[in-house]
Amino acid sequence: MEYALKNYITDKMSSKFTEKPPFDMNSTFAESECTIPMFFVLFPGVEPTKDIRELGAKHNKSISDQTLIEISMGQGQEKKANYDLTQAAQNGNWIVLNNIHLMTTWTKELELILDEVLPTAHEEFRC
């Protein structure tokens, strides 16, 4: 019975409802704003860094000219992240903070910094 019901539902519904569309970084960016940080909750084997770098290149943001900043969060990175986040918001750069789940006590500080910088963030800023 369960199998027949599943087939009936699959046959009657379009693939829009039964298949997960691939993630599209471009459409995510199109919906983004400088005042709303983006958080990616990842599953094993998923890594958006390459997509972010490619999208950044389309928007003249790159690691080489420090308009795209990537920080792998861990011990000792808090001060750098605080400073770079503030500068990126002022200058319209992009900042990627990887592995913030490792920094649970620092995320409260991150929230305070975002509250401070987002109201006046440059329109090109993305976090």
N, C-alpha and C. Protein backbone atom coordinates (compact mmCIF):
# COMPACT_ATOMS: atom_id res chain seq x y z
N MET A 1 0.82 -1.19 0.00
CA MET A 1 0.00 0.00 0.00
C MET A 1 0.86 1.26 0.00
N GLU A 2 1.87 1.29 0.87
CA GLU A 2 2.73 2.46 0.97
C GLU A 2 3.46 2.71 -0.36
N TYR A 3 3.95 1.65 -0.98
CA TYR A 3 4.65 1.76 -2.26
C TYR A 3 3.73 2.31 -3.34
N ALA A 4 2.50 1.82 -3.40
CA ALA A 4 1.54 2.28 -4.40
C ALA A 4 1.20 3.74 -4.18
N LEU A 5 1.03 4.15 -2.93
CA LEU A 5 0.73 5.54 -2.62
C LEU A 5 1.90 6.44 -3.03
N LYS A 6 3.10 6.00 -2.73
CA LYS A 6 4.29 6.79 -3.10
C LYS A 6 4.37 6.97 -4.60
N ASN A 7 4.14 5.90 -5.35
CA ASN A 7 4.16 6.00 -6.82
C ASN A 7 3.05 6.90 -7.33
N TYR A 8 1.87 6.80 -6.75
CA TYR A 8 0.76 7.65 -7.17
C TYR A 8 1.11 9.13 -6.95
N ILE A 9 1.63 9.43 -5.76
CA ILE A 9 2.00 10.81 -5.45
C ILE A 9 3.09 11.29 -6.40
N THR A 10 4.09 10.47 -6.62
CA THR A 10 5.18 10.85 -7.51
C THR A 10 4.68 11.07 -8.93
N ASP A 11 3.78 10.21 -9.40
CA ASP A 11 3.24 10.35 -10.76
C ASP A 11 2.39 11.61 -10.90
N LYS A 12 1.66 11.98 -9.87
CA LYS A 12 0.73 13.11 -9.95
C LYS A 12 1.37 14.46 -9.65
N MET A 13 2.47 14.46 -8.95
CA MET A 13 3.13 15.72 -8.58
C MET A 13 4.27 16.00 -9.56
N SER A 14 4.51 17.24 -9.80
CA SER A 14 5.63 17.59 -10.67
C SER A 14 6.94 17.36 -9.92
N SER A 15 8.02 17.29 -10.65
CA SER A 15 9.33 17.08 -10.03
C SER A 15 9.71 18.24 -9.12
N LYS A 16 9.07 19.39 -9.29
CA LYS A 16 9.31 20.55 -8.44
C LYS A 16 9.05 20.21 -6.97
N PHE A 17 8.13 19.27 -6.73
CA PHE A 17 7.79 18.91 -5.36
C PHE A 17 8.47 17.64 -4.88
N THR A 18 9.01 16.86 -5.79
CA THR A 18 9.56 15.57 -5.38
C THR A 18 11.08 15.49 -5.50
N GLU A 19 11.70 16.46 -6.16
CA GLU A 19 13.16 16.44 -6.32
C GLU A 19 13.75 17.74 -5.80
N LYS A 20 14.84 17.62 -5.10
CA LYS A 20 15.53 18.78 -4.56
C LYS A 20 16.32 19.46 -5.67
N PRO A 21 16.10 20.76 -5.90
CA PRO A 21 16.88 21.44 -6.94
C PRO A 21 18.32 21.64 -6.46
N PRO A 22 19.27 21.72 -7.37
CA PRO A 22 20.65 21.96 -6.95
C PRO A 22 20.79 23.37 -6.36
N PHE A 23 21.70 23.51 -5.44
CA PHE A 23 21.94 24.81 -4.82
C PHE A 23 22.51 25.77 -5.86
N ASP A 24 22.02 27.00 -5.87
CA ASP A 24 22.45 27.99 -6.83
C ASP A 24 22.96 29.22 -6.08
N MET A 25 24.27 29.39 -6.05
CA MET A 25 24.89 30.50 -5.34
C MET A 25 24.49 31.85 -5.95
N ASN A 26 24.31 31.89 -7.27
CA ASN A 26 23.93 33.15 -7.92
C ASN A 26 22.56 33.63 -7.45
N SER A 27 21.60 32.72 -7.36
CA SER A 27 20.27 33.15 -6.91
C SER A 27 20.29 33.50 -5.42
N THR A 28 21.11 32.82 -4.65
CA THR A 28 21.26 33.17 -3.24
C THR A 28 21.82 34.58 -3.10
N PHE A 29 22.84 34.88 -3.90
CA PHE A 29 23.42 36.22 -3.86
C PHE A 29 22.41 37.28 -4.29
N ALA A 30 21.63 36.97 -5.32
CA ALA A 30 20.63 37.92 -5.81
C ALA A 30 19.62 38.29 -4.73
N GLU A 31 19.38 37.39 -3.80
CA GLU A 31 18.45 37.65 -2.71
C GLU A 31 19.13 38.26 -1.48
N SER A 32 20.45 38.37 -1.52
CA SER A 32 21.19 38.84 -0.34
C SER A 32 21.19 40.36 -0.26
N GLU A 33 21.52 40.84 0.94
CA GLU A 33 21.65 42.27 1.20
C GLU A 33 22.86 42.49 2.10
N CYS A 34 23.40 43.70 2.06
CA CYS A 34 24.57 44.00 2.88
C CYS A 34 24.25 43.98 4.37
N THR A 35 23.00 44.11 4.72
CA THR A 35 22.63 44.17 6.14
C THR A 35 22.14 42.84 6.71
N ILE A 36 22.19 41.79 5.88
CA ILE A 36 21.75 40.47 6.34
C ILE A 36 22.85 39.45 6.09
N PRO A 37 23.53 38.98 7.15
CA PRO A 37 24.58 37.97 6.95
C PRO A 37 23.98 36.65 6.45
N MET A 38 24.77 35.93 5.71
CA MET A 38 24.34 34.61 5.22
C MET A 38 25.05 33.54 6.03
N PHE A 39 24.29 32.52 6.40
CA PHE A 39 24.86 31.39 7.12
C PHE A 39 24.59 30.14 6.31
N PHE A 40 25.62 29.35 6.11
CA PHE A 40 25.48 28.09 5.39
C PHE A 40 25.64 26.95 6.40
N VAL A 41 24.61 26.15 6.53
CA VAL A 41 24.68 24.96 7.36
C VAL A 41 25.00 23.82 6.39
N LEU A 42 26.17 23.25 6.55
CA LEU A 42 26.67 22.31 5.56
C LEU A 42 26.50 20.86 5.99
N PHE A 43 26.42 20.04 4.99
CA PHE A 43 26.38 18.59 5.18
C PHE A 43 27.72 18.02 4.72
N PRO A 44 28.09 16.84 5.19
CA PRO A 44 29.36 16.25 4.76
C PRO A 44 29.46 16.23 3.23
N GLY A 45 30.62 16.68 2.76
CA GLY A 45 30.87 16.68 1.32
C GLY A 45 30.44 17.96 0.62
N VAL A 46 29.81 18.88 1.33
CA VAL A 46 29.36 20.13 0.74
C VAL A 46 30.32 21.24 1.16
N GLU A 47 30.80 22.00 0.21
CA GLU A 47 31.74 23.07 0.49
C GLU A 47 31.49 24.23 -0.47
N PRO A 48 30.89 25.33 0.00
CA PRO A 48 30.53 26.43 -0.90
C PRO A 48 31.68 27.39 -1.21
N THR A 49 32.85 27.18 -0.64
CA THR A 49 33.95 28.13 -0.81
C THR A 49 34.28 28.39 -2.28
N LYS A 50 34.35 27.36 -3.07
CA LYS A 50 34.66 27.51 -4.50
C LYS A 50 33.59 28.37 -5.18
N ASP A 51 32.33 28.11 -4.87
CA ASP A 51 31.23 28.89 -5.45
C ASP A 51 31.31 30.35 -5.02
N ILE A 52 31.66 30.60 -3.77
CA ILE A 52 31.79 31.97 -3.27
C ILE A 52 32.92 32.67 -4.00
N ARG A 53 34.04 31.99 -4.17
CA ARG A 53 35.19 32.60 -4.88
C ARG A 53 34.83 32.92 -6.33
N GLU A 54 34.12 32.01 -7.00
CA GLU A 54 33.72 32.25 -8.39
C GLU A 54 32.74 33.42 -8.48
N LEU A 55 31.79 33.46 -7.58
CA LEU A 55 30.83 34.57 -7.55
C LEU A 55 31.55 35.88 -7.22
N GLY A 56 32.48 35.81 -6.29
CA GLY A 56 33.26 37.00 -5.95
C GLY A 56 34.00 37.55 -7.15
N ALA A 57 34.58 36.67 -7.94
CA ALA A 57 35.31 37.12 -9.13
C ALA A 57 34.39 37.88 -10.09
N LYS A 58 33.15 37.45 -10.19
CA LYS A 58 32.18 38.14 -11.05
C LYS A 58 31.86 39.54 -10.52
N HIS A 59 32.08 39.74 -9.21
CA HIS A 59 31.76 41.01 -8.57
C HIS A 59 33.03 41.75 -8.12
N ASN A 60 34.15 41.40 -8.76
CA ASN A 60 35.44 42.05 -8.48
C ASN A 60 35.87 41.91 -7.02
N LYS A 61 35.62 40.75 -6.44
CA LYS A 61 36.06 40.45 -5.08
C LYS A 61 36.98 39.24 -5.15
N SER A 62 38.20 39.40 -4.65
CA SER A 62 39.15 38.29 -4.71
C SER A 62 40.04 38.28 -3.48
N ILE A 63 40.57 37.13 -3.19
CA ILE A 63 41.49 36.97 -2.08
C ILE A 63 42.78 37.74 -2.36
N SER A 64 43.23 37.70 -3.61
CA SER A 64 44.51 38.33 -3.94
C SER A 64 44.52 39.83 -3.69
N ASP A 65 43.41 40.52 -3.88
CA ASP A 65 43.40 41.96 -3.60
C ASP A 65 42.71 42.28 -2.27
N GLN A 66 42.46 41.27 -1.49
CA GLN A 66 41.90 41.36 -0.13
C GLN A 66 40.51 42.01 -0.09
N THR A 67 39.75 41.85 -1.18
CA THR A 67 38.36 42.29 -1.17
C THR A 67 37.44 41.13 -0.85
N LEU A 68 38.01 39.93 -0.84
CA LEU A 68 37.34 38.72 -0.36
C LEU A 68 38.24 38.14 0.72
N ILE A 69 37.73 38.09 1.93
CA ILE A 69 38.52 37.65 3.07
C ILE A 69 37.93 36.35 3.58
N GLU A 70 38.78 35.35 3.71
CA GLU A 70 38.35 34.06 4.28
C GLU A 70 39.14 33.81 5.55
N ILE A 71 38.43 33.52 6.61
CA ILE A 71 39.08 33.20 7.88
C ILE A 71 38.54 31.87 8.36
N SER A 72 39.44 30.94 8.59
CA SER A 72 39.06 29.66 9.17
C SER A 72 39.11 29.83 10.68
N MET A 73 37.95 29.89 11.29
CA MET A 73 37.87 30.20 12.71
C MET A 73 38.45 29.07 13.54
N GLY A 74 39.15 29.45 14.55
CA GLY A 74 39.79 28.54 15.47
C GLY A 74 40.49 29.38 16.52
N GLN A 75 41.31 28.76 17.31
CA GLN A 75 41.98 29.49 18.38
C GLN A 75 42.77 30.67 17.83
N GLY A 76 42.57 31.80 18.44
CA GLY A 76 43.37 32.97 18.11
C GLY A 76 42.88 33.79 16.92
N GLN A 77 41.79 33.41 16.29
CA GLN A 77 41.32 34.13 15.11
C GLN A 77 40.28 35.20 15.44
N GLU A 78 39.85 35.29 16.68
CA GLU A 78 38.77 36.20 17.04
C GLU A 78 39.12 37.66 16.75
N LYS A 79 40.29 38.12 17.18
CA LYS A 79 40.67 39.52 16.97
C LYS A 79 40.76 39.85 15.49
N LYS A 80 41.36 38.96 14.72
CA LYS A 80 41.47 39.17 13.27
C LYS A 80 40.08 39.23 12.65
N ALA A 81 39.21 38.33 13.03
CA ALA A 81 37.85 38.31 12.49
C ALA A 81 37.10 39.59 12.85
N ASN A 82 37.23 40.03 14.08
CA ASN A 82 36.57 41.27 14.51
C ASN A 82 37.04 42.45 13.67
N TYR A 83 38.34 42.58 13.52
CA TYR A 83 38.91 43.69 12.75
C TYR A 83 38.51 43.60 11.27
N ASP A 84 38.71 42.43 10.67
CA ASP A 84 38.41 42.26 9.25
C ASP A 84 36.93 42.45 8.95
N LEU A 85 36.08 42.01 9.84
CA LEU A 85 34.64 42.19 9.67
C LEU A 85 34.27 43.67 9.65
N THR A 86 34.81 44.42 10.59
CA THR A 86 34.54 45.85 10.66
C THR A 86 35.05 46.56 9.40
N GLN A 87 36.26 46.23 8.98
CA GLN A 87 36.84 46.84 7.77
C GLN A 87 36.06 46.47 6.52
N ALA A 88 35.67 45.22 6.41
CA ALA A 88 34.92 44.75 5.24
C ALA A 88 33.59 45.49 5.13
N ALA A 89 32.92 45.68 6.25
CA ALA A 89 31.63 46.40 6.24
C ALA A 89 31.82 47.84 5.79
N GLN A 90 32.89 48.46 6.22
CA GLN A 90 33.16 49.86 5.84
C GLN A 90 33.54 49.98 4.37
N ASN A 91 34.33 49.02 3.88
CA ASN A 91 34.92 49.14 2.54
C ASN A 91 34.14 48.42 1.45
N GLY A 92 33.11 47.68 1.81
CA GLY A 92 32.33 46.96 0.81
C GLY A 92 32.96 45.67 0.35
N ASN A 93 33.74 45.05 1.23
CA ASN A 93 34.37 43.77 0.90
C ASN A 93 33.49 42.62 1.36
N TRP A 94 33.89 41.43 0.99
CA TRP A 94 33.19 40.22 1.42
C TRP A 94 34.05 39.51 2.44
N ILE A 95 33.41 38.92 3.44
CA ILE A 95 34.15 38.15 4.44
C ILE A 95 33.44 36.81 4.67
N VAL A 96 34.23 35.76 4.69
CA VAL A 96 33.73 34.41 4.92
C VAL A 96 34.38 33.91 6.21
N LEU A 97 33.56 33.58 7.18
CA LEU A 97 34.04 33.05 8.45
C LEU A 97 33.69 31.57 8.50
N ASN A 98 34.68 30.76 8.23
CA ASN A 98 34.46 29.31 8.20
C ASN A 98 34.51 28.72 9.60
N ASN A 99 33.71 27.71 9.81
CA ASN A 99 33.73 26.91 11.04
C ASN A 99 33.40 27.71 12.30
N ILE A 100 32.43 28.62 12.21
CA ILE A 100 32.09 29.39 13.41
C ILE A 100 31.46 28.51 14.49
N HIS A 101 31.04 27.32 14.09
CA HIS A 101 30.50 26.41 15.11
C HIS A 101 31.55 26.00 16.13
N LEU A 102 32.83 26.20 15.80
CA LEU A 102 33.90 25.89 16.74
C LEU A 102 34.11 27.02 17.76
N MET A 103 33.44 28.13 17.54
CA MET A 103 33.67 29.33 18.34
C MET A 103 32.39 29.76 19.05
N THR A 104 31.76 28.87 19.75
CA THR A 104 30.45 29.16 20.34
C THR A 104 30.47 30.35 21.28
N THR A 105 31.53 30.53 22.06
CA THR A 105 31.57 31.69 22.96
C THR A 105 31.78 32.98 22.19
N TRP A 106 32.49 32.93 21.08
CA TRP A 106 32.76 34.13 20.27
C TRP A 106 31.54 34.56 19.47
N THR A 107 30.61 33.67 19.18
CA THR A 107 29.47 34.05 18.35
C THR A 107 28.63 35.16 18.99
N LYS A 108 28.66 35.27 20.30
CA LYS A 108 27.97 36.39 20.96
C LYS A 108 28.64 37.71 20.60
N GLU A 109 29.96 37.70 20.56
CA GLU A 109 30.72 38.88 20.16
C GLU A 109 30.47 39.19 18.68
N LEU A 110 30.40 38.16 17.86
CA LEU A 110 30.09 38.33 16.44
C LEU A 110 28.74 39.05 16.28
N GLU A 111 27.76 38.62 17.04
CA GLU A 111 26.44 39.24 16.97
C GLU A 111 26.51 40.72 17.33
N LEU A 112 27.27 41.06 18.35
CA LEU A 112 27.41 42.46 18.76
C LEU A 112 28.09 43.29 17.68
N ILE A 113 29.12 42.73 17.07
CA ILE A 113 29.83 43.45 16.00
C ILE A 113 28.92 43.65 14.80
N LEU A 114 28.18 42.61 14.43
CA LEU A 114 27.24 42.75 13.32
C LEU A 114 26.19 43.81 13.61
N ASP A 115 25.67 43.83 14.82
CA ASP A 115 24.70 44.85 15.21
C ASP A 115 25.28 46.25 15.05
N GLU A 116 26.58 46.37 15.29
CA GLU A 116 27.24 47.67 15.20
C GLU A 116 27.51 48.09 13.75
N VAL A 117 27.97 47.16 12.92
CA VAL A 117 28.42 47.54 11.58
C VAL A 117 27.33 47.47 10.50
N LEU A 118 26.33 46.63 10.68
CA LEU A 118 25.35 46.43 9.61
C LEU A 118 24.51 47.67 9.27
N PRO A 119 24.09 48.47 10.25
CA PRO A 119 23.26 49.62 9.88
C PRO A 119 23.92 50.60 8.91
N THR A 120 25.25 50.67 8.93
CA THR A 120 25.96 51.60 8.05
C THR A 120 26.86 50.88 7.06
N ALA A 121 26.63 49.59 6.86
CA ALA A 121 27.49 48.81 5.97
C ALA A 121 27.43 49.30 4.52
N HIS A 122 28.57 49.25 3.87
CA HIS A 122 28.67 49.56 2.45
C HIS A 122 27.75 48.62 1.68
N GLU A 123 27.12 49.11 0.63
CA GLU A 123 26.13 48.30 -0.09
C GLU A 123 26.72 47.04 -0.73
N GLU A 124 28.02 46.99 -0.96
CA GLU A 124 28.64 45.79 -1.54
C GLU A 124 29.09 44.78 -0.49
N PHE A 125 29.03 45.14 0.78
CA PHE A 125 29.47 44.26 1.85
C PHE A 125 28.62 43.00 1.90
N ARG A 126 29.29 41.86 2.08
CA ARG A 126 28.60 40.60 2.33
C ARG A 126 29.37 39.83 3.38
N CYS A 127 28.64 39.21 4.27
CA CYS A 127 29.23 38.39 5.31
C CYS A 127 28.59 37.01 5.21
